[in-house]
Amino acid sequence: MKNTNRPARRRILAIGIPIAALLVGVGLGSSAAGGVPEARVETKIETREVEVPVEVEKIVEVEIASAACLTALDNADELNAVNADAFGVVADMFDAASSFDVAGINSGSAKLDKLQPEVSAAAAAYREEAAACRAN
């Protein structure tokens, strides 16, 4: 009579051996984790006093712009305002010239004649203070 249990026995061995190996591994791992005492290392902490140079910030007041420079800037603003008025008159004169309006051109010319002393005075004041500013 032939033994027909061999395939069943092989299946049992094929499943049983890995399970047994797993159980043995788990057992060895758990015994190794709890069985080794931890090593203690003692360290000695040493403190020292060290001198560190400290930088002190010194605040110094410095004049950024001289009075002459500030006055020159104010005079430049005034000169620009007077020149803007003159350019407005010139623009009106060009409009009058484009429509052949001689009276408009003559009116603009009279306005420019009135603005000329203001432009000259503002330009002279600016040049004087600008020279003083540059001399500093």
Protein backbone atom coordinates (compact mmCIF):
# COMPACT_ATOMS: atom_id res chain seq x y z
CA MET A 1 0.00 0.00 0.00
CA LYS A 2 1.22 3.45 -1.02
CA ASN A 3 1.53 6.34 1.38
CA THR A 4 -0.81 9.10 0.18
CA ASN A 5 -0.05 11.47 3.09
CA ARG A 6 3.24 12.75 1.62
CA PRO A 7 1.76 15.85 -0.12
CA ALA A 8 -0.12 16.76 3.06
CA ARG A 9 3.01 16.26 5.14
CA ARG A 10 4.98 18.49 2.77
CA ARG A 11 2.38 21.21 3.06
CA ILE A 12 2.48 21.03 6.84
CA LEU A 13 6.28 21.23 6.80
CA ALA A 14 6.22 24.09 4.27
CA ILE A 15 3.91 26.09 6.53
CA GLY A 16 5.19 24.88 9.91
CA ILE A 17 8.91 25.53 9.45
CA PRO A 18 8.55 29.27 8.68
CA ILE A 19 6.11 29.68 11.58
CA ALA A 20 8.50 27.89 13.95
CA ALA A 21 11.39 30.08 12.72
CA LEU A 22 9.30 33.18 13.30
CA LEU A 23 8.46 32.14 16.84
CA VAL A 24 12.10 31.33 17.64
CA GLY A 25 13.17 34.73 16.23
CA VAL A 26 10.59 36.59 18.26
CA GLY A 27 11.64 34.75 21.38
CA LEU A 28 15.32 35.46 20.85
CA GLY A 29 14.65 39.12 20.05
CA SER A 30 12.57 39.73 23.15
CA SER A 31 15.08 38.04 25.44
CA ALA A 32 17.97 40.03 23.93
CA ALA A 33 16.21 43.38 24.33
CA GLY A 34 15.58 43.01 28.03
CA GLY A 35 18.70 41.09 28.90
CA VAL A 36 21.46 43.61 28.03
CA PRO A 37 22.09 46.31 30.63
CA GLU A 38 22.64 49.85 29.39
CA ALA A 39 26.12 51.29 29.61
CA ARG A 40 26.43 54.51 31.58
CA VAL A 41 28.79 57.24 30.51
CA GLU A 42 29.64 59.98 32.94
CA THR A 43 30.54 63.38 31.56
CA LYS A 44 32.22 66.17 33.41
CA ILE A 45 31.07 69.68 32.57
CA GLU A 46 33.70 72.34 32.97
CA THR A 47 32.87 76.05 32.93
CA ARG A 48 35.30 78.85 32.22
CA GLU A 49 34.99 82.60 32.32
CA VAL A 50 36.00 84.23 29.06
CA GLU A 51 36.30 87.94 28.38
CA VAL A 52 34.50 88.96 25.21
CA PRO A 53 35.12 92.45 23.84
CA VAL A 54 31.93 94.48 23.62
CA GLU A 55 31.50 97.03 20.88
CA VAL A 56 29.77 100.21 21.95
CA GLU A 57 27.86 102.06 19.31
CA LYS A 58 28.59 105.76 19.39
CA ILE A 59 25.93 108.05 18.00
CA VAL A 60 27.33 111.11 16.29
CA GLU A 61 25.18 113.86 14.89
CA VAL A 62 26.30 114.80 11.40
CA GLU A 63 24.95 117.69 9.40
CA ILE A 64 23.52 116.13 6.26
CA ALA A 65 23.06 119.29 4.24
CA SER A 66 24.31 122.76 4.97
CA ALA A 67 21.96 125.70 5.27
CA ALA A 68 23.23 127.01 1.94
CA CYS A 69 22.29 123.73 0.25
CA LEU A 70 18.81 123.75 1.77
CA THR A 71 18.31 127.37 0.69
CA ALA A 72 19.55 126.51 -2.81
CA LEU A 73 16.94 123.74 -3.00
CA ASP A 74 14.21 126.15 -1.88
CA ASN A 75 15.37 128.66 -4.50
CA ALA A 76 15.37 125.93 -7.17
CA ASP A 77 11.75 125.13 -6.27
CA GLU A 78 10.84 128.81 -6.63
CA LEU A 79 12.67 129.03 -9.97
CA ASN A 80 10.82 125.96 -11.24
CA ALA A 81 7.46 127.46 -10.24
CA VAL A 82 8.18 130.75 -12.07
CA ASN A 83 9.43 128.87 -15.13
CA ALA A 84 6.27 126.74 -15.11
CA ASP A 85 4.20 129.92 -15.25
CA ALA A 86 6.30 131.17 -18.17
CA PHE A 87 5.92 127.87 -20.04
CA GLY A 88 2.15 128.10 -19.52
CA VAL A 89 2.18 131.52 -21.18
CA VAL A 90 4.31 130.19 -24.05
CA ALA A 91 1.85 127.31 -24.56
CA ASP A 92 -1.00 129.84 -24.78
CA MET A 93 1.04 131.81 -27.33
CA PHE A 94 1.51 128.69 -29.48
CA ASP A 95 -2.25 128.08 -29.38
CA ALA A 96 -2.83 131.69 -30.47
CA ALA A 97 -0.25 131.37 -33.25
CA SER A 98 -1.86 128.17 -34.54
CA SER A 99 -5.12 130.06 -35.07
CA PHE A 100 -3.40 133.22 -36.37
CA ASP A 101 -4.53 135.16 -33.29
CA VAL A 102 -2.11 138.11 -33.22
CA ALA A 103 -3.78 139.67 -30.17
CA GLY A 104 -3.25 136.41 -28.21
CA ILE A 105 0.42 136.38 -29.17
CA ASN A 106 0.85 140.03 -28.12
CA SER A 107 -0.93 139.35 -24.82
CA GLY A 108 1.38 136.41 -24.11
CA SER A 109 4.40 138.51 -24.96
CA ALA A 110 3.31 141.16 -22.44
CA LYS A 111 2.84 138.47 -19.77
CA LEU A 112 6.34 137.09 -20.46
CA ASP A 113 7.75 140.61 -20.11
CA LYS A 114 6.13 140.84 -16.65
CA LEU A 115 7.51 137.39 -15.64
CA GLN A 116 11.07 138.17 -16.82
CA PRO A 117 12.17 140.02 -13.63
CA GLU A 118 10.80 137.19 -11.44
CA VAL A 119 12.63 134.56 -13.49
CA SER A 120 15.88 136.57 -13.35
CA ALA A 121 15.63 137.15 -9.58
CA ALA A 122 14.83 133.49 -8.83
CA ALA A 123 17.68 132.29 -11.08
CA ALA A 124 20.19 134.67 -9.46
CA ALA A 125 19.15 133.61 -5.94
CA TYR A 126 19.47 129.96 -6.90
CA ARG A 127 22.93 130.41 -8.49
CA GLU A 128 24.24 132.28 -5.43
CA GLU A 129 23.11 129.64 -2.91
CA ALA A 130 24.10 126.76 -5.19
CA ALA A 131 27.66 128.17 -5.37
CA ALA A 132 27.76 128.49 -1.56
CA CYS A 133 26.49 124.91 -1.23
CA ARG A 134 29.15 123.55 -3.58
CA ALA A 135 31.84 125.50 -1.71
CA ASN A 136 31.09 123.56 1.50
